[in-house]
Amino acid sequence: MYFREILCQTNDGQIELSCCGQYYKISFHHMVMRYNEQEFVTLSRAMKECYEEVRNDKNRKGKLIVFSTPVESMKLRFSIEDIEQFQYLLETSYLLMEEEKMQVQ
């Protein structure tokens, strides 16, 4: 499977869209994950919920959060800063995906 378009890229990772436009490749730190559109949306929503829960934590420095991916129940340990960066990648890519859909209609 080939990935043609980088939807969002930071120093810590990137999200790419497949040539067929139906799959997403997420690279973040040393992880690489591939999801179809529905799985990607599910992951994005779950990460947003996690981010909202920890965003205003006053004792956040040095804290690690265990996040369980909703599709394959993979357990990931992130710092709160990593959660912020991962959430940024997911949310930006999700918004671009929605924008592209609106342009097609």
PDB file of N, CA and C in Angstrom:
ATOM      1  N   MET A   1       0.844  -1.163   0.000  1.00  0.00           N
ATOM      2  CA  MET A   1       0.000   0.000   0.000  1.00  0.00           C
ATOM      3  C   MET A   1       0.899   1.238   0.000  1.00  0.00           C
ATOM      4  N   TYR A   2       0.582   2.148  -0.890  1.00  0.00           N
ATOM      5  CA  TYR A   2       1.364   3.373  -1.007  1.00  0.00           C
ATOM      6  C   TYR A   2       0.618   4.552  -0.395  1.00  0.00           C
ATOM      7  N   PHE A   3       1.368   5.424   0.232  1.00  0.00           N
ATOM      8  CA  PHE A   3       0.795   6.609   0.847  1.00  0.00           C
ATOM      9  C   PHE A   3       1.280   7.818   0.069  1.00  0.00           C
ATOM     10  N   ARG A   4       0.349   8.629  -0.400  1.00  0.00           N
ATOM     11  CA  ARG A   4       0.650   9.692  -1.355  1.00  0.00           C
ATOM     12  C   ARG A   4       0.726  11.085  -0.764  1.00  0.00           C
ATOM     13  N   GLU A   5       0.024  11.324   0.312  1.00  0.00           N
ATOM     14  CA  GLU A   5      -0.120  12.689   0.791  1.00  0.00           C
ATOM     15  C   GLU A   5       0.133  12.771   2.291  1.00  0.00           C
ATOM     16  N   ILE A   6       1.001  13.675   2.689  1.00  0.00           N
ATOM     17  CA  ILE A   6       1.217  13.934   4.110  1.00  0.00           C
ATOM     18  C   ILE A   6       0.178  14.959   4.541  1.00  0.00           C
ATOM     19  N   LEU A   7      -0.702  14.553   5.446  1.00  0.00           N
ATOM     20  CA  LEU A   7      -1.750  15.452   5.928  1.00  0.00           C
ATOM     21  C   LEU A   7      -1.226  16.426   6.965  1.00  0.00           C
ATOM     22  N   CYS A   8      -0.354  15.932   7.822  1.00  0.00           N
ATOM     23  CA  CYS A   8       0.199  16.770   8.883  1.00  0.00           C
ATOM     24  C   CYS A   8       1.551  16.193   9.285  1.00  0.00           C
ATOM     25  N   GLN A   9       2.503  17.082   9.571  1.00  0.00           N
ATOM     26  CA  GLN A   9       3.835  16.632   9.947  1.00  0.00           C
ATOM     27  C   GLN A   9       4.407  17.562  11.006  1.00  0.00           C
ATOM     28  N   THR A  10       5.012  16.965  12.028  1.00  0.00           N
ATOM     29  CA  THR A  10       5.732  17.715  13.057  1.00  0.00           C
ATOM     30  C   THR A  10       7.086  17.046  13.243  1.00  0.00           C
ATOM     31  N   ASN A  11       7.877  17.545  14.164  1.00  0.00           N
ATOM     32  CA  ASN A  11       9.169  16.911  14.453  1.00  0.00           C
ATOM     33  C   ASN A  11       9.000  15.518  15.043  1.00  0.00           C
ATOM     34  N   ASP A  12       7.851  15.255  15.659  1.00  0.00           N
ATOM     35  CA  ASP A  12       7.633  13.983  16.343  1.00  0.00           C
ATOM     36  C   ASP A  12       6.901  12.941  15.516  1.00  0.00           C
ATOM     37  N   GLY A  13       6.292  13.347  14.413  1.00  0.00           N
ATOM     38  CA  GLY A  13       5.554  12.370  13.632  1.00  0.00           C
ATOM     39  C   GLY A  13       4.838  12.979  12.452  1.00  0.00           C
ATOM     40  N   GLN A  14       4.092  12.116  11.765  1.00  0.00           N
ATOM     41  CA  GLN A  14       3.310  12.569  10.626  1.00  0.00           C
ATOM     42  C   GLN A  14       2.158  11.615  10.380  1.00  0.00           C
ATOM     43  N   ILE A  15       1.173  12.119   9.651  1.00  0.00           N
ATOM     44  CA  ILE A  15       0.036  11.306   9.244  1.00  0.00           C
ATOM     45  C   ILE A  15      -0.086  11.429   7.738  1.00  0.00           C
ATOM     46  N   GLU A  16      -0.148  10.260   7.073  1.00  0.00           N
ATOM     47  CA  GLU A  16      -0.217  10.211   5.619  1.00  0.00           C
ATOM     48  C   GLU A  16      -1.515   9.547   5.175  1.00  0.00           C
ATOM     49  N   LEU A  17      -1.979   9.941   4.000  1.00  0.00           N
ATOM     50  CA  LEU A  17      -3.173   9.370   3.390  1.00  0.00           C
ATOM     51  C   LEU A  17      -2.742   8.449   2.261  1.00  0.00           C
ATOM     52  N   SER A  18      -3.383   7.283   2.152  1.00  0.00           N
ATOM     53  CA  SER A  18      -3.028   6.317   1.112  1.00  0.00           C
ATOM     54  C   SER A  18      -3.459   6.812  -0.266  1.00  0.00           C
ATOM     55  N   CYS A  19      -2.896   6.194  -1.306  1.00  0.00           N
ATOM     56  CA  CYS A  19      -3.235   6.555  -2.687  1.00  0.00           C
ATOM     57  C   CYS A  19      -4.724   6.415  -2.957  1.00  0.00           C
ATOM     58  N   CYS A  20      -5.350   5.405  -2.377  1.00  0.00           N
ATOM     59  CA  CYS A  20      -6.782   5.187  -2.594  1.00  0.00           C
ATOM     60  C   CYS A  20      -7.634   6.103  -1.717  1.00  0.00           C
ATOM     61  N   GLY A  21      -7.010   6.803  -0.777  1.00  0.00           N
ATOM     62  CA  GLY A  21      -7.725   7.735   0.078  1.00  0.00           C
ATOM     63  C   GLY A  21      -8.531   7.090   1.186  1.00  0.00           C
ATOM     64  N   GLN A  22      -8.289   5.804   1.456  1.00  0.00           N
ATOM     65  CA  GLN A  22      -9.091   5.100   2.453  1.00  0.00           C
ATOM     66  C   GLN A  22      -8.315   4.682   3.695  1.00  0.00           C
ATOM     67  N   TYR A  23      -7.002   4.855   3.692  1.00  0.00           N
ATOM     68  CA  TYR A  23      -6.191   4.407   4.819  1.00  0.00           C
ATOM     69  C   TYR A  23      -5.253   5.518   5.275  1.00  0.00           C
ATOM     70  N   TYR A  24      -4.940   5.475   6.565  1.00  0.00           N
ATOM     71  CA  TYR A  24      -4.085   6.477   7.181  1.00  0.00           C
ATOM     72  C   TYR A  24      -2.902   5.785   7.828  1.00  0.00           C
ATOM     73  N   LYS A  25      -1.736   6.332   7.607  1.00  0.00           N
ATOM     74  CA  LYS A  25      -0.516   5.821   8.229  1.00  0.00           C
ATOM     75  C   LYS A  25      -0.062   6.871   9.238  1.00  0.00           C
ATOM     76  N   ILE A  26      -0.006   6.462  10.482  1.00  0.00           N
ATOM     77  CA  ILE A  26       0.386   7.359  11.564  1.00  0.00           C
ATOM     78  C   ILE A  26       1.776   6.952  12.037  1.00  0.00           C
ATOM     79  N   SER A  27       2.703   7.875  11.958  1.00  0.00           N
ATOM     80  CA  SER A  27       4.051   7.670  12.487  1.00  0.00           C
ATOM     81  C   SER A  27       4.225   8.663  13.625  1.00  0.00           C
ATOM     82  N   PHE A  28       4.531   8.143  14.805  1.00  0.00           N
ATOM     83  CA  PHE A  28       4.727   9.023  15.957  1.00  0.00           C
ATOM     84  C   PHE A  28       5.817   8.419  16.822  1.00  0.00           C
ATOM     85  N   HIS A  29       6.876   9.171  17.023  1.00  0.00           N
ATOM     86  CA  HIS A  29       8.089   8.680  17.685  1.00  0.00           C
ATOM     87  C   HIS A  29       8.530   7.406  16.972  1.00  0.00           C
ATOM     88  N   HIS A  30       8.507   6.273  17.620  1.00  0.00           N
ATOM     89  CA  HIS A  30       8.976   5.037  16.983  1.00  0.00           C
ATOM     90  C   HIS A  30       7.831   4.102  16.621  1.00  0.00           C
ATOM     91  N   MET A  31       6.622   4.621  16.596  1.00  0.00           N
ATOM     92  CA  MET A  31       5.451   3.793  16.274  1.00  0.00           C
ATOM     93  C   MET A  31       4.991   4.089  14.853  1.00  0.00           C
ATOM     94  N   VAL A  32       4.487   3.051  14.204  1.00  0.00           N
ATOM     95  CA  VAL A  32       3.826   3.216  12.916  1.00  0.00           C
ATOM     96  C   VAL A  32       2.540   2.408  12.988  1.00  0.00           C
ATOM     97  N   MET A  33       1.420   3.079  12.713  1.00  0.00           N
ATOM     98  CA  MET A  33       0.114   2.422  12.765  1.00  0.00           C
ATOM     99  C   MET A  33      -0.634   2.732  11.475  1.00  0.00           C
ATOM    100  N   ARG A  34      -1.431   1.776  11.021  1.00  0.00           N
ATOM    101  CA  ARG A  34      -2.260   1.982   9.833  1.00  0.00           C
ATOM    102  C   ARG A  34      -3.708   1.721  10.195  1.00  0.00           C
ATOM    103  N   TYR A  35      -4.571   2.629   9.758  1.00  0.00           N
ATOM    104  CA  TYR A  35      -5.995   2.518  10.056  1.00  0.00           C
ATOM    105  C   TYR A  35      -6.829   2.869   8.836  1.00  0.00           C
ATOM    106  N   ASN A  36      -8.012   2.247   8.755  1.00  0.00           N
ATOM    107  CA  ASN A  36      -8.969   2.703   7.754  1.00  0.00           C
ATOM    108  C   ASN A  36      -9.623   3.969   8.300  1.00  0.00           C
ATOM    109  N   GLU A  37     -10.508   4.569   7.515  1.00  0.00           N
ATOM    110  CA  GLU A  37     -11.074   5.861   7.913  1.00  0.00           C
ATOM    111  C   GLU A  37     -11.855   5.786   9.220  1.00  0.00           C
ATOM    112  N   GLN A  38     -12.692   4.771   9.368  1.00  0.00           N
ATOM    113  CA  GLN A  38     -13.496   4.655  10.589  1.00  0.00           C
ATOM    114  C   GLN A  38     -12.609   4.449  11.820  1.00  0.00           C
ATOM    115  N   GLU A  39     -11.594   3.609  11.690  1.00  0.00           N
ATOM    116  CA  GLU A  39     -10.670   3.380  12.802  1.00  0.00           C
ATOM    117  C   GLU A  39      -9.896   4.655  13.148  1.00  0.00           C
ATOM    118  N   PHE A  40      -9.519   5.404  12.120  1.00  0.00           N
ATOM    119  CA  PHE A  40      -8.811   6.669  12.330  1.00  0.00           C
ATOM    120  C   PHE A  40      -9.685   7.660  13.098  1.00  0.00           C
ATOM    121  N   VAL A  41     -10.952   7.753  12.707  1.00  0.00           N
ATOM    122  CA  VAL A  41     -11.890   8.650  13.390  1.00  0.00           C
ATOM    123  C   VAL A  41     -12.069   8.216  14.844  1.00  0.00           C
ATOM    124  N   THR A  42     -12.194   6.909  15.073  1.00  0.00           N
ATOM    125  CA  THR A  42     -12.346   6.379  16.429  1.00  0.00           C
ATOM    126  C   THR A  42     -11.121   6.710  17.280  1.00  0.00           C
ATOM    127  N   LEU A  43      -9.932   6.518  16.724  1.00  0.00           N
ATOM    128  CA  LEU A  43      -8.697   6.850  17.439  1.00  0.00           C
ATOM    129  C   LEU A  43      -8.636   8.348  17.739  1.00  0.00           C
ATOM    130  N   SER A  44      -8.983   9.163  16.770  1.00  0.00           N
ATOM    131  CA  SER A  44      -8.952  10.621  16.959  1.00  0.00           C
ATOM    132  C   SER A  44      -9.867  11.055  18.095  1.00  0.00           C
ATOM    133  N   ARG A  45     -11.053  10.505  18.132  1.00  0.00           N
ATOM    134  CA  ARG A  45     -12.007  10.863  19.190  1.00  0.00           C
ATOM    135  C   ARG A  45     -11.521  10.402  20.562  1.00  0.00           C
ATOM    136  N   ALA A  46     -10.977   9.192  20.623  1.00  0.00           N
ATOM    137  CA  ALA A  46     -10.483   8.666  21.900  1.00  0.00           C
ATOM    138  C   ALA A  46      -9.301   9.490  22.410  1.00  0.00           C
ATOM    139  N   MET A  47      -8.402   9.867  21.514  1.00  0.00           N
ATOM    140  CA  MET A  47      -7.251  10.672  21.929  1.00  0.00           C
ATOM    141  C   MET A  47      -7.702  12.061  22.362  1.00  0.00           C
ATOM    142  N   LYS A  48      -8.708  12.609  21.708  1.00  0.00           N
ATOM    143  CA  LYS A  48      -9.224  13.920  22.112  1.00  0.00           C
ATOM    144  C   LYS A  48      -9.803  13.852  23.524  1.00  0.00           C
ATOM    145  N   GLU A  49     -10.546  12.788  23.826  1.00  0.00           N
ATOM    146  CA  GLU A  49     -11.096  12.610  25.176  1.00  0.00           C
ATOM    147  C   GLU A  49      -9.976  12.513  26.206  1.00  0.00           C
ATOM    148  N   CYS A  50      -8.949  11.740  25.887  1.00  0.00           N
ATOM    149  CA  CYS A  50      -7.805  11.587  26.787  1.00  0.00           C
ATOM    150  C   CYS A  50      -7.130  12.941  27.001  1.00  0.00           C
ATOM    151  N   TYR A  51      -6.918  13.663  25.926  1.00  0.00           N
ATOM    152  CA  TYR A  51      -6.277  14.978  26.013  1.00  0.00           C
ATOM    153  C   TYR A  51      -7.094  15.935  26.874  1.00  0.00           C
ATOM    154  N   GLU A  52      -8.397  15.944  26.682  1.00  0.00           N
ATOM    155  CA  GLU A  52      -9.260  16.839  27.463  1.00  0.00           C
ATOM    156  C   GLU A  52      -9.190  16.512  28.957  1.00  0.00           C
ATOM    157  N   GLU A  53      -9.043  15.235  29.284  1.00  0.00           N
ATOM    158  CA  GLU A  53      -8.965  14.825  30.688  1.00  0.00           C
ATOM    159  C   GLU A  53      -7.679  15.289  31.364  1.00  0.00           C
ATOM    160  N   VAL A  54      -6.572  15.291  30.634  1.00  0.00           N
ATOM    161  CA  VAL A  54      -5.279  15.595  31.257  1.00  0.00           C
ATOM    162  C   VAL A  54      -4.791  17.016  30.990  1.00  0.00           C
ATOM    163  N   ARG A  55      -5.442  17.724  30.119  1.00  0.00           N
ATOM    164  CA  ARG A  55      -4.982  19.043  29.675  1.00  0.00           C
ATOM    165  C   ARG A  55      -4.789  20.030  30.823  1.00  0.00           C
ATOM    166  N   ASN A  56      -5.685  20.050  31.752  1.00  0.00           N
ATOM    167  CA  ASN A  56      -5.626  21.035  32.836  1.00  0.00           C
ATOM    168  C   ASN A  56      -5.080  20.476  34.147  1.00  0.00           C
ATOM    169  N   ASP A  57      -4.408  19.346  34.078  1.00  0.00           N
ATOM    170  CA  ASP A  57      -3.837  18.730  35.276  1.00  0.00           C
ATOM    171  C   ASP A  57      -2.717  19.616  35.828  1.00  0.00           C
ATOM    172  N   LYS A  58      -2.886  20.079  37.032  1.00  0.00           N
ATOM    173  CA  LYS A  58      -1.899  20.976  37.638  1.00  0.00           C
ATOM    174  C   LYS A  58      -0.612  20.240  38.032  1.00  0.00           C
ATOM    175  N   ASN A  59      -0.686  18.944  38.215  1.00  0.00           N
ATOM    176  CA  ASN A  59       0.480  18.143  38.596  1.00  0.00           C
ATOM    177  C   ASN A  59       1.022  17.379  37.397  1.00  0.00           C
ATOM    178  N   ARG A  60       0.993  17.978  36.245  1.00  0.00           N
ATOM    179  CA  ARG A  60       1.297  17.272  35.008  1.00  0.00           C
ATOM    180  C   ARG A  60       2.777  17.037  34.733  1.00  0.00           C
ATOM    181  N   LYS A  61       3.664  17.807  35.306  1.00  0.00           N
ATOM    182  CA  LYS A  61       5.078  17.680  34.982  1.00  0.00           C
ATOM    183  C   LYS A  61       5.605  16.286  35.328  1.00  0.00           C
ATOM    184  N   GLY A  62       6.183  15.625  34.337  1.00  0.00           N
ATOM    185  CA  GLY A  62       6.775  14.310  34.532  1.00  0.00           C
ATOM    186  C   GLY A  62       5.789  13.164  34.606  1.00  0.00           C
ATOM    187  N   LYS A  63       4.516  13.446  34.523  1.00  0.00           N
ATOM    188  CA  LYS A  63       3.489  12.413  34.637  1.00  0.00           C
ATOM    189  C   LYS A  63       3.385  11.621  33.327  1.00  0.00           C
ATOM    190  N   LEU A  64       3.213  10.306  33.448  1.00  0.00           N
ATOM    191  CA  LEU A  64       2.997   9.456  32.276  1.00  0.00           C
ATOM    192  C   LEU A  64       1.560   8.954  32.287  1.00  0.00           C
ATOM    193  N   ILE A  65       0.946   8.944  31.119  1.00  0.00           N
ATOM    194  CA  ILE A  65      -0.440   8.519  30.962  1.00  0.00           C
ATOM    195  C   ILE A  65      -0.450   7.267  30.099  1.00  0.00           C
ATOM    196  N   VAL A  66      -1.207   6.253  30.509  1.00  0.00           N
ATOM    197  CA  VAL A  66      -1.377   5.052  29.694  1.00  0.00           C
ATOM    198  C   VAL A  66      -2.646   5.229  28.876  1.00  0.00           C
ATOM    199  N   PHE A  67      -2.480   5.156  27.563  1.00  0.00           N
ATOM    200  CA  PHE A  67      -3.590   5.306  26.632  1.00  0.00           C
ATOM    201  C   PHE A  67      -3.781   3.976  25.925  1.00  0.00           C
ATOM    202  N   SER A  68      -5.003   3.480  25.916  1.00  0.00           N
ATOM    203  CA  SER A  68      -5.318   2.223  25.235  1.00  0.00           C
ATOM    204  C   SER A  68      -6.018   2.551  23.925  1.00  0.00           C
ATOM    205  N   THR A  69      -5.418   2.129  22.813  1.00  0.00           N
ATOM    206  CA  THR A  69      -6.022   2.428  21.517  1.00  0.00           C
ATOM    207  C   THR A  69      -7.353   1.700  21.396  1.00  0.00           C
ATOM    208  N   PRO A  70      -8.381   2.358  20.862  1.00  0.00           N
ATOM    209  CA  PRO A  70      -9.722   1.766  20.831  1.00  0.00           C
ATOM    210  C   PRO A  70      -9.881   0.624  19.840  1.00  0.00           C
ATOM    211  N   VAL A  71      -9.047   0.554  18.828  1.00  0.00           N
ATOM    212  CA  VAL A  71      -9.224  -0.464  17.792  1.00  0.00           C
ATOM    213  C   VAL A  71      -8.576  -1.786  18.189  1.00  0.00           C
ATOM    214  N   GLU A  72      -7.298  -1.746  18.538  1.00  0.00           N
ATOM    215  CA  GLU A  72      -6.602  -2.995  18.845  1.00  0.00           C
ATOM    216  C   GLU A  72      -6.219  -3.126  20.310  1.00  0.00           C
ATOM    217  N   SER A  73      -6.674  -2.203  21.136  1.00  0.00           N
ATOM    218  CA  SER A  73      -6.403  -2.197  22.581  1.00  0.00           C
ATOM    219  C   SER A  73      -4.911  -2.236  22.901  1.00  0.00           C
ATOM    220  N   MET A  74      -4.120  -1.589  22.070  1.00  0.00           N
ATOM    221  CA  MET A  74      -2.694  -1.484  22.309  1.00  0.00           C
ATOM    222  C   MET A  74      -2.483  -0.430  23.397  1.00  0.00           C
ATOM    223  N   LYS A  75      -1.692  -0.751  24.390  1.00  0.00           N
ATOM    224  CA  LYS A  75      -1.437   0.182  25.487  1.00  0.00           C
ATOM    225  C   LYS A  75      -0.175   0.992  25.172  1.00  0.00           C
ATOM    226  N   LEU A  76      -0.333   2.304  25.215  1.00  0.00           N
ATOM    227  CA  LEU A  76       0.768   3.213  24.938  1.00  0.00           C
ATOM    228  C   LEU A  76       0.982   4.104  26.150  1.00  0.00           C
ATOM    229  N   ARG A  77       2.219   4.356  26.479  1.00  0.00           N
ATOM    230  CA  ARG A  77       2.536   5.230  27.607  1.00  0.00           C
ATOM    231  C   ARG A  77       3.104   6.535  27.048  1.00  0.00           C
ATOM    232  N   PHE A  78       2.403   7.624  27.364  1.00  0.00           N
ATOM    233  CA  PHE A  78       2.772   8.938  26.861  1.00  0.00           C
ATOM    234  C   PHE A  78       2.981   9.910  28.006  1.00  0.00           C
ATOM    235  N   SER A  79       3.876  10.853  27.782  1.00  0.00           N
ATOM    236  CA  SER A  79       3.911  12.014  28.667  1.00  0.00           C
ATOM    237  C   SER A  79       2.746  12.907  28.244  1.00  0.00           C
ATOM    238  N   ILE A  80       2.382  13.832  29.080  1.00  0.00           N
ATOM    239  CA  ILE A  80       1.289  14.737  28.722  1.00  0.00           C
ATOM    240  C   ILE A  80       1.687  15.570  27.506  1.00  0.00           C
ATOM    241  N   GLU A  81       2.946  15.921  27.397  1.00  0.00           N
ATOM    242  CA  GLU A  81       3.417  16.667  26.229  1.00  0.00           C
ATOM    243  C   GLU A  81       3.265  15.833  24.960  1.00  0.00           C
ATOM    244  N   ASP A  82       3.555  14.521  25.048  1.00  0.00           N
ATOM    245  CA  ASP A  82       3.363  13.636  23.894  1.00  0.00           C
ATOM    246  C   ASP A  82       1.893  13.557  23.503  1.00  0.00           C
ATOM    247  N   ILE A  83       1.026  13.495  24.494  1.00  0.00           N
ATOM    248  CA  ILE A  83      -0.412  13.453  24.210  1.00  0.00           C
ATOM    249  C   ILE A  83      -0.826  14.718  23.468  1.00  0.00           C
ATOM    250  N   GLU A  84      -0.314  15.856  23.889  1.00  0.00           N
ATOM    251  CA  GLU A  84      -0.625  17.116  23.206  1.00  0.00           C
ATOM    252  C   GLU A  84      -0.155  17.089  21.757  1.00  0.00           C
ATOM    253  N   GLN A  85       1.048  16.591  21.522  1.00  0.00           N
ATOM    254  CA  GLN A  85       1.596  16.539  20.167  1.00  0.00           C
ATOM    255  C   GLN A  85       0.839  15.541  19.296  1.00  0.00           C
ATOM    256  N   PHE A  86       0.530  14.375  19.857  1.00  0.00           N
ATOM    257  CA  PHE A  86      -0.201  13.346  19.115  1.00  0.00           C
ATOM    258  C   PHE A  86      -1.611  13.844  18.791  1.00  0.00           C
ATOM    259  N   GLN A  87      -2.242  14.488  19.756  1.00  0.00           N
ATOM    260  CA  GLN A  87      -3.576  15.048  19.545  1.00  0.00           C
ATOM    261  C   GLN A  87      -3.551  16.099  18.441  1.00  0.00           C
ATOM    262  N   TYR A  88      -2.520  16.924  18.417  1.00  0.00           N
ATOM    263  CA  TYR A  88      -2.389  17.941  17.369  1.00  0.00           C
ATOM    264  C   TYR A  88      -2.328  17.281  15.989  1.00  0.00           C
ATOM    265  N   LEU A  89      -1.501  16.251  15.851  1.00  0.00           N
ATOM    266  CA  LEU A  89      -1.400  15.539  14.569  1.00  0.00           C
ATOM    267  C   LEU A  89      -2.749  14.967  14.146  1.00  0.00           C
ATOM    268  N   LEU A  90      -3.409  14.276  15.073  1.00  0.00           N
ATOM    269  CA  LEU A  90      -4.689  13.642  14.755  1.00  0.00           C
ATOM    270  C   LEU A  90      -5.758  14.672  14.411  1.00  0.00           C
ATOM    271  N   GLU A  91      -5.865  15.702  15.222  1.00  0.00           N
ATOM    272  CA  GLU A  91      -6.923  16.691  15.006  1.00  0.00           C
ATOM    273  C   GLU A  91      -6.711  17.464  13.706  1.00  0.00           C
ATOM    274  N   THR A  92      -5.486  17.863  13.434  1.00  0.00           N
ATOM    275  CA  THR A  92      -5.198  18.590  12.201  1.00  0.00           C
ATOM    276  C   THR A  92      -5.499  17.725  10.985  1.00  0.00           C
ATOM    277  N   SER A  93      -5.090  16.473  11.020  1.00  0.00           N
ATOM    278  CA  SER A  93      -5.350  15.559   9.904  1.00  0.00           C
ATOM    279  C   SER A  93      -6.836  15.293   9.739  1.00  0.00           C
ATOM    280  N   TYR A  94      -7.534  15.124  10.844  1.00  0.00           N
ATOM    281  CA  TYR A  94      -8.978  14.884  10.802  1.00  0.00           C
ATOM    282  C   TYR A  94      -9.700  16.079  10.174  1.00  0.00           C
ATOM    283  N   LEU A  95      -9.318  17.286  10.571  1.00  0.00           N
ATOM    284  CA  LEU A  95      -9.948  18.483  10.009  1.00  0.00           C
ATOM    285  C   LEU A  95      -9.663  18.615   8.513  1.00  0.00           C
ATOM    286  N   LEU A  96      -8.444  18.286   8.091  1.00  0.00           N
ATOM    287  CA  LEU A  96      -8.116  18.306   6.662  1.00  0.00           C
ATOM    288  C   LEU A  96      -8.933  17.279   5.895  1.00  0.00           C
ATOM    289  N   MET A  97      -9.101  16.101   6.492  1.00  0.00           N
ATOM    290  CA  MET A  97      -9.897  15.044   5.877  1.00  0.00           C
ATOM    291  C   MET A  97     -11.333  15.524   5.681  1.00  0.00           C
ATOM    292  N   GLU A  98     -11.910  16.137   6.701  1.00  0.00           N
ATOM    293  CA  GLU A  98     -13.283  16.637   6.615  1.00  0.00           C
ATOM    294  C   GLU A  98     -13.399  17.755   5.579  1.00  0.00           C
ATOM    295  N   GLU A  99     -12.399  18.609   5.522  1.00  0.00           N
ATOM    296  CA  GLU A  99     -12.399  19.703   4.548  1.00  0.00           C
ATOM    297  C   GLU A  99     -12.370  19.163   3.119  1.00  0.00           C
ATOM    298  N   GLU A 100     -11.540  18.134   2.881  1.00  0.00           N
ATOM    299  CA  GLU A 100     -11.472  17.523   1.554  1.00  0.00           C
ATOM    300  C   GLU A 100     -12.804  16.901   1.167  1.00  0.00           C
ATOM    301  N   LYS A 101     -13.478  16.272   2.114  1.00  0.00           N
ATOM    302  CA  LYS A 101     -14.790  15.678   1.842  1.00  0.00           C
ATOM    303  C   LYS A 101     -15.794  16.750   1.428  1.00  0.00           C
ATOM    304  N   MET A 102     -15.758  17.890   2.100  1.00  0.00           N
ATOM    305  CA  MET A 102     -16.683  18.978   1.790  1.00  0.00           C
ATOM    306  C   MET A 102     -16.424  19.534   0.392  1.00  0.00           C
ATOM    307  N   GLN A 103     -15.168  19.584  -0.027  1.00  0.00           N
ATOM    308  CA  GLN A 103     -14.833  20.089  -1.355  1.00  0.00           C
ATOM    309  C   GLN A 103     -15.306  19.148  -2.451  1.00  0.00           C
ATOM    310  N   VAL A 104     -15.311  17.851  -2.167  1.00  0.00           N
ATOM    311  CA  VAL A 104     -15.750  16.853  -3.144  1.00  0.00           C
ATOM    312  C   VAL A 104     -17.251  16.937  -3.357  1.00  0.00           C
ATOM    313  N   GLN A 105     -17.991  17.248  -2.306  1.00  0.00           N
ATOM    314  CA  GLN A 105     -19.454  17.308  -2.407  1.00  0.00           C
ATOM    315  C   GLN A 105     -19.878  18.499  -3.120  1.00  0.00           C
TER     316      GLN A 105
END
